Amino acid sequence: MLSTLICSLFSRGSAAETSPATLEAGLLSARGLLGCNQFEEVVAELTPVLRQWPDNPEAHFMRGTALLELQQIREAKAHLERAVQASPHEPRYLYNLSLAHYIDGNTARTIELC
C-alpha cells in the first residue's frame, strides 16, 4: 500500500518548464519511477528533460538504465555512453554501461570499462 502511494506521487505529468527547478523535479520524478520499476514511464518522463537539457548526465543515465531494463540495448548504450562521457569516473554510469556491453556480448568493452 505504501509503495503504491509513493509510486503514485511520482506518476505526474512530464516536465514542461525550462527552469532549473523543473530539471530537478523531472530527475526526482524519473528516479522515483525507476525505483518503482516503471521503466516506460521513466523514458517518457525524461524525453522533455533531455530535450531541454541534452547534456545532463544523470538524465542520460536514468534513461539508459530504463532502456536497459526494457531490453533496448542499443538505445541504452547510447544514453549510458553520453552519461559516461560527461562524468567518466561515476561508478554507476560505468557499471551500467559495462552491463549493457556484457548483455550485448562485447566482453572486451565490458572488461575495459571495469
PDB file of N, CA and C in Angstrom:
ATOM      1  N   MET A   1       0.818  -1.190   0.000  1.00  0.00           N
ATOM      2  CA  MET A   1       0.000   0.000   0.000  1.00  0.00           C
ATOM      3  C   MET A   1       0.864   1.258   0.000  1.00  0.00           C
ATOM      4  N   LEU A   2       1.886   1.280   0.875  1.00  0.00           N
ATOM      5  CA  LEU A   2       2.770   2.428   0.927  1.00  0.00           C
ATOM      6  C   LEU A   2       3.523   2.591  -0.389  1.00  0.00           C
ATOM      7  N   SER A   3       3.983   1.475  -0.968  1.00  0.00           N
ATOM      8  CA  SER A   3       4.708   1.573  -2.237  1.00  0.00           C
ATOM      9  C   SER A   3       3.801   2.104  -3.343  1.00  0.00           C
ATOM     10  N   THR A   4       2.536   1.741  -3.342  1.00  0.00           N
ATOM     11  CA  THR A   4       1.582   2.250  -4.331  1.00  0.00           C
ATOM     12  C   THR A   4       1.426   3.758  -4.179  1.00  0.00           C
ATOM     13  N   LEU A   5       1.344   4.234  -2.940  1.00  0.00           N
ATOM     14  CA  LEU A   5       1.230   5.663  -2.686  1.00  0.00           C
ATOM     15  C   LEU A   5       2.474   6.398  -3.163  1.00  0.00           C
ATOM     16  N   ILE A   6       3.630   5.866  -2.837  1.00  0.00           N
ATOM     17  CA  ILE A   6       4.879   6.506  -3.243  1.00  0.00           C
ATOM     18  C   ILE A   6       4.978   6.556  -4.760  1.00  0.00           C
ATOM     19  N   CYS A   7       4.674   5.440  -5.411  1.00  0.00           N
ATOM     20  CA  CYS A   7       4.729   5.410  -6.875  1.00  0.00           C
ATOM     21  C   CYS A   7       3.744   6.386  -7.492  1.00  0.00           C
ATOM     22  N   SER A   8       2.571   6.527  -6.900  1.00  0.00           N
ATOM     23  CA  SER A   8       1.583   7.456  -7.449  1.00  0.00           C
ATOM     24  C   SER A   8       2.041   8.902  -7.312  1.00  0.00           C
ATOM     25  N   LEU A   9       2.822   9.202  -6.283  1.00  0.00           N
ATOM     26  CA  LEU A   9       3.347  10.552  -6.128  1.00  0.00           C
ATOM     27  C   LEU A   9       4.291  10.920  -7.260  1.00  0.00           C
ATOM     28  N   PHE A  10       4.995   9.927  -7.789  1.00  0.00           N
ATOM     29  CA  PHE A  10       5.938  10.180  -8.862  1.00  0.00           C
ATOM     30  C   PHE A  10       5.305  10.069 -10.231  1.00  0.00           C
ATOM     31  N   SER A  11       4.096   9.625 -10.329  1.00  0.00           N
ATOM     32  CA  SER A  11       3.411   9.446 -11.611  1.00  0.00           C
ATOM     33  C   SER A  11       2.638  10.704 -11.974  1.00  0.00           C
ATOM     34  N   ARG A  12       3.374  11.762 -12.196  1.00  0.00           N
ATOM     35  CA  ARG A  12       2.756  13.017 -12.581  1.00  0.00           C
ATOM     36  C   ARG A  12       3.037  13.284 -14.038  1.00  0.00           C
ATOM     37  N   GLY A  13       2.561  14.395 -14.546  1.00  0.00           N
ATOM     38  CA  GLY A  13       2.800  14.743 -15.939  1.00  0.00           C
ATOM     39  C   GLY A  13       4.269  15.038 -16.194  1.00  0.00           C
ATOM     40  N   SER A  14       4.658  15.093 -17.456  1.00  0.00           N
ATOM     41  CA  SER A  14       6.033  15.354 -17.840  1.00  0.00           C
ATOM     42  C   SER A  14       6.392  16.805 -17.566  1.00  0.00           C
ATOM     43  N   ALA A  15       7.690  17.024 -17.329  1.00  0.00           N
ATOM     44  CA  ALA A  15       8.192  18.368 -17.077  1.00  0.00           C
ATOM     45  C   ALA A  15       8.091  19.189 -18.362  1.00  0.00           C
ATOM     46  N   ALA A  16       7.528  20.379 -18.276  1.00  0.00           N
ATOM     47  CA  ALA A  16       7.350  21.187 -19.475  1.00  0.00           C
ATOM     48  C   ALA A  16       8.043  22.539 -19.363  1.00  0.00           C
ATOM     49  N   GLU A  17       8.362  22.983 -18.169  1.00  0.00           N
ATOM     50  CA  GLU A  17       9.005  24.273 -17.974  1.00  0.00           C
ATOM     51  C   GLU A  17      10.500  24.150 -18.237  1.00  0.00           C
ATOM     52  N   THR A  18      11.208  25.284 -18.204  1.00  0.00           N
ATOM     53  CA  THR A  18      12.629  25.284 -18.516  1.00  0.00           C
ATOM     54  C   THR A  18      13.501  25.727 -17.353  1.00  0.00           C
ATOM     55  N   SER A  19      12.971  25.834 -16.166  1.00  0.00           N
ATOM     56  CA  SER A  19      13.757  26.305 -15.038  1.00  0.00           C
ATOM     57  C   SER A  19      14.592  25.181 -14.446  1.00  0.00           C
ATOM     58  N   PRO A  20      15.680  25.539 -13.729  1.00  0.00           N
ATOM     59  CA  PRO A  20      16.468  24.512 -13.037  1.00  0.00           C
ATOM     60  C   PRO A  20      15.628  23.700 -12.049  1.00  0.00           C
ATOM     61  N   ALA A  21      14.622  24.325 -11.448  1.00  0.00           N
ATOM     62  CA  ALA A  21      13.736  23.587 -10.541  1.00  0.00           C
ATOM     63  C   ALA A  21      12.965  22.517 -11.298  1.00  0.00           C
ATOM     64  N   THR A  22      12.608  22.817 -12.552  1.00  0.00           N
ATOM     65  CA  THR A  22      11.912  21.838 -13.382  1.00  0.00           C
ATOM     66  C   THR A  22      12.832  20.668 -13.705  1.00  0.00           C
ATOM     67  N   LEU A  23      14.109  20.956 -13.956  1.00  0.00           N
ATOM     68  CA  LEU A  23      15.081  19.894 -14.188  1.00  0.00           C
ATOM     69  C   LEU A  23      15.146  18.979 -12.977  1.00  0.00           C
ATOM     70  N   GLU A  24      15.292  19.558 -11.801  1.00  0.00           N
ATOM     71  CA  GLU A  24      15.366  18.757 -10.576  1.00  0.00           C
ATOM     72  C   GLU A  24      14.086  17.969 -10.340  1.00  0.00           C
ATOM     73  N   ALA A  25      12.948  18.589 -10.623  1.00  0.00           N
ATOM     74  CA  ALA A  25      11.663  17.888 -10.461  1.00  0.00           C
ATOM     75  C   ALA A  25      11.563  16.715 -11.426  1.00  0.00           C
ATOM     76  N   GLY A  26      11.991  16.923 -12.657  1.00  0.00           N
ATOM     77  CA  GLY A  26      11.958  15.844 -13.650  1.00  0.00           C
ATOM     78  C   GLY A  26      12.878  14.699 -13.273  1.00  0.00           C
ATOM     79  N   LEU A  27      14.076  15.032 -12.792  1.00  0.00           N
ATOM     80  CA  LEU A  27      15.016  13.995 -12.363  1.00  0.00           C
ATOM     81  C   LEU A  27      14.501  13.252 -11.139  1.00  0.00           C
ATOM     82  N   LEU A  28      13.920  13.977 -10.196  1.00  0.00           N
ATOM     83  CA  LEU A  28      13.361  13.352  -8.998  1.00  0.00           C
ATOM     84  C   LEU A  28      12.210  12.418  -9.363  1.00  0.00           C
ATOM     85  N   SER A  29      11.339  12.873 -10.250  1.00  0.00           N
ATOM     86  CA  SER A  29      10.223  12.056 -10.686  1.00  0.00           C
ATOM     87  C   SER A  29      10.721  10.788 -11.387  1.00  0.00           C
ATOM     88  N   ALA A  30      11.692  10.955 -12.294  1.00  0.00           N
ATOM     89  CA  ALA A  30      12.236   9.799 -13.016  1.00  0.00           C
ATOM     90  C   ALA A  30      12.905   8.827 -12.049  1.00  0.00           C
ATOM     91  N   ARG A  31      13.612   9.339 -11.056  1.00  0.00           N
ATOM     92  CA  ARG A  31      14.265   8.481 -10.063  1.00  0.00           C
ATOM     93  C   ARG A  31      13.221   7.668  -9.293  1.00  0.00           C
ATOM     94  N   GLY A  32      12.135   8.302  -8.932  1.00  0.00           N
ATOM     95  CA  GLY A  32      11.067   7.597  -8.235  1.00  0.00           C
ATOM     96  C   GLY A  32      10.421   6.535  -9.094  1.00  0.00           C
ATOM     97  N   LEU A  33      10.177   6.874 -10.348  1.00  0.00           N
ATOM     98  CA  LEU A  33       9.596   5.904 -11.279  1.00  0.00           C
ATOM     99  C   LEU A  33      10.541   4.735 -11.515  1.00  0.00           C
ATOM    100  N   LEU A  34      11.831   5.022 -11.614  1.00  0.00           N
ATOM    101  CA  LEU A  34      12.823   3.967 -11.791  1.00  0.00           C
ATOM    102  C   LEU A  34      12.814   3.031 -10.588  1.00  0.00           C
ATOM    103  N   GLY A  35      12.707   3.606  -9.389  1.00  0.00           N
ATOM    104  CA  GLY A  35      12.634   2.806  -8.175  1.00  0.00           C
ATOM    105  C   GLY A  35      11.378   1.959  -8.092  1.00  0.00           C
ATOM    106  N   CYS A  36      10.347   2.347  -8.805  1.00  0.00           N
ATOM    107  CA  CYS A  36       9.084   1.592  -8.839  1.00  0.00           C
ATOM    108  C   CYS A  36       9.014   0.666 -10.056  1.00  0.00           C
ATOM    109  N   ASN A  37      10.139   0.523 -10.751  1.00  0.00           N
ATOM    110  CA  ASN A  37      10.222  -0.342 -11.937  1.00  0.00           C
ATOM    111  C   ASN A  37       9.235   0.058 -13.033  1.00  0.00           C
ATOM    112  N   GLN A  38       8.967   1.333 -13.140  1.00  0.00           N
ATOM    113  CA  GLN A  38       8.077   1.847 -14.190  1.00  0.00           C
ATOM    114  C   GLN A  38       8.955   2.418 -15.310  1.00  0.00           C
ATOM    115  N   PHE A  39       9.594   1.499 -16.037  1.00  0.00           N
ATOM    116  CA  PHE A  39      10.650   1.864 -16.972  1.00  0.00           C
ATOM    117  C   PHE A  39      10.141   2.656 -18.175  1.00  0.00           C
ATOM    118  N   GLU A  40       8.997   2.300 -18.709  1.00  0.00           N
ATOM    119  CA  GLU A  40       8.456   3.060 -19.841  1.00  0.00           C
ATOM    120  C   GLU A  40       8.123   4.483 -19.417  1.00  0.00           C
ATOM    121  N   GLU A  41       7.643   4.644 -18.194  1.00  0.00           N
ATOM    122  CA  GLU A  41       7.318   5.971 -17.680  1.00  0.00           C
ATOM    123  C   GLU A  41       8.583   6.805 -17.470  1.00  0.00           C
ATOM    124  N   VAL A  42       9.676   6.146 -17.078  1.00  0.00           N
ATOM    125  CA  VAL A  42      10.953   6.849 -16.922  1.00  0.00           C
ATOM    126  C   VAL A  42      11.374   7.429 -18.268  1.00  0.00           C
ATOM    127  N   VAL A  43      11.308   6.614 -19.299  1.00  0.00           N
ATOM    128  CA  VAL A  43      11.686   7.063 -20.642  1.00  0.00           C
ATOM    129  C   VAL A  43      10.828   8.262 -21.047  1.00  0.00           C
ATOM    130  N   ALA A  44       9.532   8.175 -20.820  1.00  0.00           N
ATOM    131  CA  ALA A  44       8.626   9.273 -21.179  1.00  0.00           C
ATOM    132  C   ALA A  44       8.910  10.523 -20.354  1.00  0.00           C
ATOM    133  N   GLU A  45       9.166  10.351 -19.077  1.00  0.00           N
ATOM    134  CA  GLU A  45       9.431  11.492 -18.192  1.00  0.00           C
ATOM    135  C   GLU A  45      10.697  12.235 -18.599  1.00  0.00           C
ATOM    136  N   LEU A  46      11.687  11.490 -19.073  1.00  0.00           N
ATOM    137  CA  LEU A  46      12.973  12.113 -19.390  1.00  0.00           C
ATOM    138  C   LEU A  46      13.052  12.668 -20.802  1.00  0.00           C
ATOM    139  N   THR A  47      12.057  12.393 -21.633  1.00  0.00           N
ATOM    140  CA  THR A  47      12.074  12.931 -23.002  1.00  0.00           C
ATOM    141  C   THR A  47      12.112  14.457 -22.999  1.00  0.00           C
ATOM    142  N   PRO A  48      11.193  15.144 -22.306  1.00  0.00           N
ATOM    143  CA  PRO A  48      11.276  16.609 -22.315  1.00  0.00           C
ATOM    144  C   PRO A  48      12.481  17.140 -21.535  1.00  0.00           C
ATOM    145  N   VAL A  49      12.910  16.409 -20.528  1.00  0.00           N
ATOM    146  CA  VAL A  49      14.090  16.828 -19.759  1.00  0.00           C
ATOM    147  C   VAL A  49      15.309  16.857 -20.680  1.00  0.00           C
ATOM    148  N   LEU A  50      15.506  15.775 -21.437  1.00  0.00           N
ATOM    149  CA  LEU A  50      16.661  15.718 -22.334  1.00  0.00           C
ATOM    150  C   LEU A  50      16.517  16.649 -23.530  1.00  0.00           C
ATOM    151  N   ARG A  51      15.306  16.969 -23.900  1.00  0.00           N
ATOM    152  CA  ARG A  51      15.092  17.943 -24.971  1.00  0.00           C
ATOM    153  C   ARG A  51      15.590  19.315 -24.503  1.00  0.00           C
ATOM    154  N   GLN A  52      15.314  19.634 -23.252  1.00  0.00           N
ATOM    155  CA  GLN A  52      15.702  20.935 -22.710  1.00  0.00           C
ATOM    156  C   GLN A  52      17.161  20.952 -22.236  1.00  0.00           C
ATOM    157  N   TRP A  53      17.610  19.846 -21.663  1.00  0.00           N
ATOM    158  CA  TRP A  53      18.969  19.741 -21.123  1.00  0.00           C
ATOM    159  C   TRP A  53      19.645  18.514 -21.733  1.00  0.00           C
ATOM    160  N   PRO A  54      20.065  18.589 -23.001  1.00  0.00           N
ATOM    161  CA  PRO A  54      20.564  17.406 -23.708  1.00  0.00           C
ATOM    162  C   PRO A  54      21.886  16.854 -23.195  1.00  0.00           C
ATOM    163  N   ASP A  55      22.588  17.597 -22.377  1.00  0.00           N
ATOM    164  CA  ASP A  55      23.883  17.140 -21.878  1.00  0.00           C
ATOM    165  C   ASP A  55      23.841  16.710 -20.419  1.00  0.00           C
ATOM    166  N   ASN A  56      22.665  16.545 -19.856  1.00  0.00           N
ATOM    167  CA  ASN A  56      22.560  16.182 -18.442  1.00  0.00           C
ATOM    168  C   ASN A  56      22.917  14.708 -18.251  1.00  0.00           C
ATOM    169  N   PRO A  57      24.028  14.417 -17.569  1.00  0.00           N
ATOM    170  CA  PRO A  57      24.463  13.018 -17.445  1.00  0.00           C
ATOM    171  C   PRO A  57      23.513  12.148 -16.624  1.00  0.00           C
ATOM    172  N   GLU A  58      22.908  12.700 -15.596  1.00  0.00           N
ATOM    173  CA  GLU A  58      22.004  11.897 -14.762  1.00  0.00           C
ATOM    174  C   GLU A  58      20.749  11.506 -15.529  1.00  0.00           C
ATOM    175  N   ALA A  59      20.249  12.412 -16.357  1.00  0.00           N
ATOM    176  CA  ALA A  59      19.084  12.093 -17.183  1.00  0.00           C
ATOM    177  C   ALA A  59      19.430  11.000 -18.190  1.00  0.00           C
ATOM    178  N   HIS A  60      20.612  11.095 -18.795  1.00  0.00           N
ATOM    179  CA  HIS A  60      21.038  10.050 -19.733  1.00  0.00           C
ATOM    180  C   HIS A  60      21.231   8.717 -19.001  1.00  0.00           C
ATOM    181  N   PHE A  61      21.790   8.773 -17.799  1.00  0.00           N
ATOM    182  CA  PHE A  61      21.994   7.544 -17.022  1.00  0.00           C
ATOM    183  C   PHE A  61      20.661   6.865 -16.702  1.00  0.00           C
ATOM    184  N   MET A  62      19.708   7.634 -16.194  1.00  0.00           N
ATOM    185  CA  MET A  62      18.424   7.030 -15.823  1.00  0.00           C
ATOM    186  C   MET A  62      17.668   6.521 -17.056  1.00  0.00           C
ATOM    187  N   ARG A  63      17.708   7.293 -18.131  1.00  0.00           N
ATOM    188  CA  ARG A  63      17.029   6.832 -19.350  1.00  0.00           C
ATOM    189  C   ARG A  63      17.709   5.575 -19.888  1.00  0.00           C
ATOM    190  N   GLY A  64      19.045   5.562 -19.895  1.00  0.00           N
ATOM    191  CA  GLY A  64      19.771   4.386 -20.337  1.00  0.00           C
ATOM    192  C   GLY A  64      19.485   3.172 -19.470  1.00  0.00           C
ATOM    193  N   THR A  65      19.386   3.382 -18.173  1.00  0.00           N
ATOM    194  CA  THR A  65      19.076   2.298 -17.243  1.00  0.00           C
ATOM    195  C   THR A  65      17.682   1.742 -17.516  1.00  0.00           C
ATOM    196  N   ALA A  66      16.712   2.623 -17.716  1.00  0.00           N
ATOM    197  CA  ALA A  66      15.344   2.179 -18.013  1.00  0.00           C
ATOM    198  C   ALA A  66      15.308   1.413 -19.338  1.00  0.00           C
ATOM    199  N   LEU A  67      16.006   1.918 -20.345  1.00  0.00           N
ATOM    200  CA  LEU A  67      16.044   1.231 -21.636  1.00  0.00           C
ATOM    201  C   LEU A  67      16.734  -0.123 -21.520  1.00  0.00           C
ATOM    202  N   LEU A  68      17.738  -0.206 -20.683  1.00  0.00           N
ATOM    203  CA  LEU A  68      18.414  -1.482 -20.438  1.00  0.00           C
ATOM    204  C   LEU A  68      17.434  -2.487 -19.848  1.00  0.00           C
ATOM    205  N   GLU A  69      16.641  -2.045 -18.895  1.00  0.00           N
ATOM    206  CA  GLU A  69      15.626  -2.918 -18.293  1.00  0.00           C
ATOM    207  C   GLU A  69      14.554  -3.328 -19.303  1.00  0.00           C
ATOM    208  N   LEU A  70      14.305  -2.474 -20.279  1.00  0.00           N
ATOM    209  CA  LEU A  70      13.326  -2.778 -21.331  1.00  0.00           C
ATOM    210  C   LEU A  70      13.942  -3.576 -22.474  1.00  0.00           C
ATOM    211  N   GLN A  71      15.196  -3.980 -22.304  1.00  0.00           N
ATOM    212  CA  GLN A  71      15.926  -4.777 -23.300  1.00  0.00           C
ATOM    213  C   GLN A  71      16.118  -4.031 -24.624  1.00  0.00           C
ATOM    214  N   GLN A  72      16.199  -2.719 -24.562  1.00  0.00           N
ATOM    215  CA  GLN A  72      16.501  -1.905 -25.735  1.00  0.00           C
ATOM    216  C   GLN A  72      17.975  -1.519 -25.641  1.00  0.00           C
ATOM    217  N   ILE A  73      18.822  -2.514 -25.877  1.00  0.00           N
ATOM    218  CA  ILE A  73      20.242  -2.420 -25.564  1.00  0.00           C
ATOM    219  C   ILE A  73      20.952  -1.334 -26.357  1.00  0.00           C
ATOM    220  N   ARG A  74      20.728  -1.267 -27.666  1.00  0.00           N
ATOM    221  CA  ARG A  74      21.427  -0.265 -28.480  1.00  0.00           C
ATOM    222  C   ARG A  74      21.134   1.151 -27.990  1.00  0.00           C
ATOM    223  N   GLU A  75      19.865   1.445 -27.749  1.00  0.00           N
ATOM    224  CA  GLU A  75      19.484   2.773 -27.270  1.00  0.00           C
ATOM    225  C   GLU A  75      20.022   3.019 -25.860  1.00  0.00           C
ATOM    226  N   ALA A  76      20.007   1.976 -25.033  1.00  0.00           N
ATOM    227  CA  ALA A  76      20.533   2.098 -23.668  1.00  0.00           C
ATOM    228  C   ALA A  76      22.010   2.459 -23.706  1.00  0.00           C
ATOM    229  N   LYS A  77      22.759   1.772 -24.558  1.00  0.00           N
ATOM    230  CA  LYS A  77      24.199   2.054 -24.644  1.00  0.00           C
ATOM    231  C   LYS A  77      24.460   3.492 -25.079  1.00  0.00           C
ATOM    232  N   ALA A  78      23.667   3.997 -26.002  1.00  0.00           N
ATOM    233  CA  ALA A  78      23.861   5.376 -26.473  1.00  0.00           C
ATOM    234  C   ALA A  78      23.699   6.368 -25.324  1.00  0.00           C
ATOM    235  N   HIS A  79      22.661   6.184 -24.513  1.00  0.00           N
ATOM    236  CA  HIS A  79      22.448   7.107 -23.390  1.00  0.00           C
ATOM    237  C   HIS A  79      23.499   6.918 -22.299  1.00  0.00           C
ATOM    238  N   LEU A  80      23.846   5.678 -22.035  1.00  0.00           N
ATOM    239  CA  LEU A  80      24.854   5.429 -20.999  1.00  0.00           C
ATOM    240  C   LEU A  80      26.227   5.936 -21.434  1.00  0.00           C
ATOM    241  N   GLU A  81      26.538   5.844 -22.720  1.00  0.00           N
ATOM    242  CA  GLU A  81      27.794   6.410 -23.243  1.00  0.00           C
ATOM    243  C   GLU A  81      27.825   7.918 -23.023  1.00  0.00           C
ATOM    244  N   ARG A  82      26.694   8.586 -23.277  1.00  0.00           N
ATOM    245  CA  ARG A  82      26.631  10.042 -23.059  1.00  0.00           C
ATOM    246  C   ARG A  82      26.864  10.388 -21.599  1.00  0.00           C
ATOM    247  N   ALA A  83      26.292   9.579 -20.699  1.00  0.00           N
ATOM    248  CA  ALA A  83      26.492   9.824 -19.266  1.00  0.00           C
ATOM    249  C   ALA A  83      27.957   9.648 -18.896  1.00  0.00           C
ATOM    250  N   VAL A  84      28.583   8.592 -19.395  1.00  0.00           N
ATOM    251  CA  VAL A  84      29.994   8.331 -19.082  1.00  0.00           C
ATOM    252  C   VAL A  84      30.894   9.400 -19.681  1.00  0.00           C
ATOM    253  N   GLN A  85      30.587   9.866 -20.884  1.00  0.00           N
ATOM    254  CA  GLN A  85      31.386  10.939 -21.488  1.00  0.00           C
ATOM    255  C   GLN A  85      31.361  12.193 -20.629  1.00  0.00           C
ATOM    256  N   ALA A  86      30.203  12.489 -20.053  1.00  0.00           N
ATOM    257  CA  ALA A  86      30.067  13.688 -19.225  1.00  0.00           C
ATOM    258  C   ALA A  86      30.694  13.511 -17.840  1.00  0.00           C
ATOM    259  N   SER A  87      30.632  12.296 -17.305  1.00  0.00           N
ATOM    260  CA  SER A  87      31.164  12.003 -15.961  1.00  0.00           C
ATOM    261  C   SER A  87      31.912  10.675 -16.008  1.00  0.00           C
ATOM    262  N   PRO A  88      33.140  10.691 -16.529  1.00  0.00           N
ATOM    263  CA  PRO A  88      33.848   9.438 -16.790  1.00  0.00           C
ATOM    264  C   PRO A  88      34.270   8.640 -15.563  1.00  0.00           C
ATOM    265  N   HIS A  89      34.158   9.213 -14.391  1.00  0.00           N
ATOM    266  CA  HIS A  89      34.567   8.490 -13.181  1.00  0.00           C
ATOM    267  C   HIS A  89      33.397   8.125 -12.274  1.00  0.00           C
ATOM    268  N   GLU A  90      32.174   8.306 -12.758  1.00  0.00           N
ATOM    269  CA  GLU A  90      30.990   7.960 -11.963  1.00  0.00           C
ATOM    270  C   GLU A  90      30.780   6.449 -12.032  1.00  0.00           C
ATOM    271  N   PRO A  91      30.940   5.734 -10.905  1.00  0.00           N
ATOM    272  CA  PRO A  91      30.859   4.264 -10.928  1.00  0.00           C
ATOM    273  C   PRO A  91      29.522   3.711 -11.414  1.00  0.00           C
ATOM    274  N   ARG A  92      28.400   4.359 -11.073  1.00  0.00           N
ATOM    275  CA  ARG A  92      27.089   3.862 -11.518  1.00  0.00           C
ATOM    276  C   ARG A  92      26.985   3.894 -13.026  1.00  0.00           C
ATOM    277  N   TYR A  93      27.491   4.965 -13.624  1.00  0.00           N
ATOM    278  CA  TYR A  93      27.424   5.110 -15.075  1.00  0.00           C
ATOM    279  C   TYR A  93      28.276   4.031 -15.747  1.00  0.00           C
ATOM    280  N   LEU A  94      29.499   3.866 -15.241  1.00  0.00           N
ATOM    281  CA  LEU A  94      30.410   2.868 -15.809  1.00  0.00           C
ATOM    282  C   LEU A  94      29.863   1.459 -15.650  1.00  0.00           C
ATOM    283  N   TYR A  95      29.296   1.165 -14.493  1.00  0.00           N
ATOM    284  CA  TYR A  95      28.763  -0.174 -14.247  1.00  0.00           C
ATOM    285  C   TYR A  95      27.632  -0.504 -15.222  1.00  0.00           C
ATOM    286  N   ASN A  96      26.669   0.403 -15.355  1.00  0.00           N
ATOM    287  CA  ASN A  96      25.531   0.115 -16.234  1.00  0.00           C
ATOM    288  C   ASN A  96      25.950   0.054 -17.701  1.00  0.00           C
ATOM    289  N   LEU A  97      26.907   0.887 -18.086  1.00  0.00           N
ATOM    290  CA  LEU A  97      27.402   0.809 -19.462  1.00  0.00           C
ATOM    291  C   LEU A  97      28.121  -0.519 -19.688  1.00  0.00           C
ATOM    292  N   SER A  98      28.927  -0.952 -18.720  1.00  0.00           N
ATOM    293  CA  SER A  98      29.605  -2.243 -18.868  1.00  0.00           C
ATOM    294  C   SER A  98      28.591  -3.385 -18.905  1.00  0.00           C
ATOM    295  N   LEU A  99      27.532  -3.281 -18.117  1.00  0.00           N
ATOM    296  CA  LEU A  99      26.477  -4.292 -18.131  1.00  0.00           C
ATOM    297  C   LEU A  99      25.792  -4.351 -19.496  1.00  0.00           C
ATOM    298  N   ALA A 100      25.524  -3.192 -20.082  1.00  0.00           N
ATOM    299  CA  ALA A 100      24.903  -3.148 -21.411  1.00  0.00           C
ATOM    300  C   ALA A 100      25.796  -3.825 -22.446  1.00  0.00           C
ATOM    301  N   HIS A 101      27.102  -3.571 -22.377  1.00  0.00           N
ATOM    302  CA  HIS A 101      28.025  -4.209 -23.310  1.00  0.00           C
ATOM    303  C   HIS A 101      28.113  -5.713 -23.056  1.00  0.00           C
ATOM    304  N   TYR A 102      28.052  -6.104 -21.802  1.00  0.00           N
ATOM    305  CA  TYR A 102      28.071  -7.532 -21.463  1.00  0.00           C
ATOM    306  C   TYR A 102      26.846  -8.242 -22.046  1.00  0.00           C
ATOM    307  N   ILE A 103      25.678  -7.640 -21.856  1.00  0.00           N
ATOM    308  CA  ILE A 103      24.438  -8.223 -22.398  1.00  0.00           C
ATOM    309  C   ILE A 103      24.516  -8.319 -23.919  1.00  0.00           C
ATOM    310  N   ASP A 104      25.156  -7.329 -24.523  1.00  0.00           N
ATOM    311  CA  ASP A 104      25.282  -7.281 -25.979  1.00  0.00           C
ATOM    312  C   ASP A 104      26.377  -8.220 -26.495  1.00  0.00           C
ATOM    313  N   GLY A 105      27.114  -8.863 -25.584  1.00  0.00           N
ATOM    314  CA  GLY A 105      28.132  -9.828 -25.985  1.00  0.00           C
ATOM    315  C   GLY A 105      29.510  -9.252 -26.231  1.00  0.00           C
ATOM    316  N   ASN A 106      29.711  -7.994 -25.878  1.00  0.00           N
ATOM    317  CA  ASN A 106      31.007  -7.345 -26.090  1.00  0.00           C
ATOM    318  C   ASN A 106      31.830  -7.412 -24.804  1.00  0.00           C
ATOM    319  N   THR A 107      32.436  -8.564 -24.560  1.00  0.00           N
ATOM    320  CA  THR A 107      33.179  -8.750 -23.308  1.00  0.00           C
ATOM    321  C   THR A 107      34.440  -7.891 -23.261  1.00  0.00           C
ATOM    322  N   ALA A 108      35.052  -7.635 -24.404  1.00  0.00           N
ATOM    323  CA  ALA A 108      36.254  -6.799 -24.405  1.00  0.00           C
ATOM    324  C   ALA A 108      35.936  -5.401 -23.878  1.00  0.00           C
ATOM    325  N   ARG A 109      34.853  -4.813 -24.350  1.00  0.00           N
ATOM    326  CA  ARG A 109      34.457  -3.464 -23.878  1.00  0.00           C
ATOM    327  C   ARG A 109      34.006  -3.523 -22.423  1.00  0.00           C
ATOM    328  N   THR A 110      33.361  -4.623 -22.032  1.00  0.00           N
ATOM    329  CA  THR A 110      32.947  -4.796 -20.635  1.00  0.00           C
ATOM    330  C   THR A 110      34.165  -4.768 -19.730  1.00  0.00           C
ATOM    331  N   ILE A 111      35.189  -5.530 -20.082  1.00  0.00           N
ATOM    332  CA  ILE A 111      36.423  -5.572 -19.273  1.00  0.00           C
ATOM    333  C   ILE A 111      37.095  -4.219 -19.243  1.00  0.00           C
ATOM    334  N   GLU A 112      37.151  -3.566 -20.385  1.00  0.00           N
ATOM    335  CA  GLU A 112      37.767  -2.240 -20.472  1.00  0.00           C
ATOM    336  C   GLU A 112      37.088  -1.245 -19.523  1.00  0.00           C
ATOM    337  N   LEU A 113      35.776  -1.282 -19.482  1.00  0.00           N
ATOM    338  CA  LEU A 113      35.031  -0.365 -18.614  1.00  0.00           C
ATOM    339  C   LEU A 113      35.203  -0.697 -17.137  1.00  0.00           C
ATOM    340  N   CYS A 114      35.355  -1.975 -16.834  1.00  0.00           N
ATOM    341  CA  CYS A 114      35.518  -2.375 -15.443  1.00  0.00           C
ATOM    342  C   CYS A 114      36.918  -2.056 -14.943  1.00  0.00           C
TER     343      CYS A 114
END
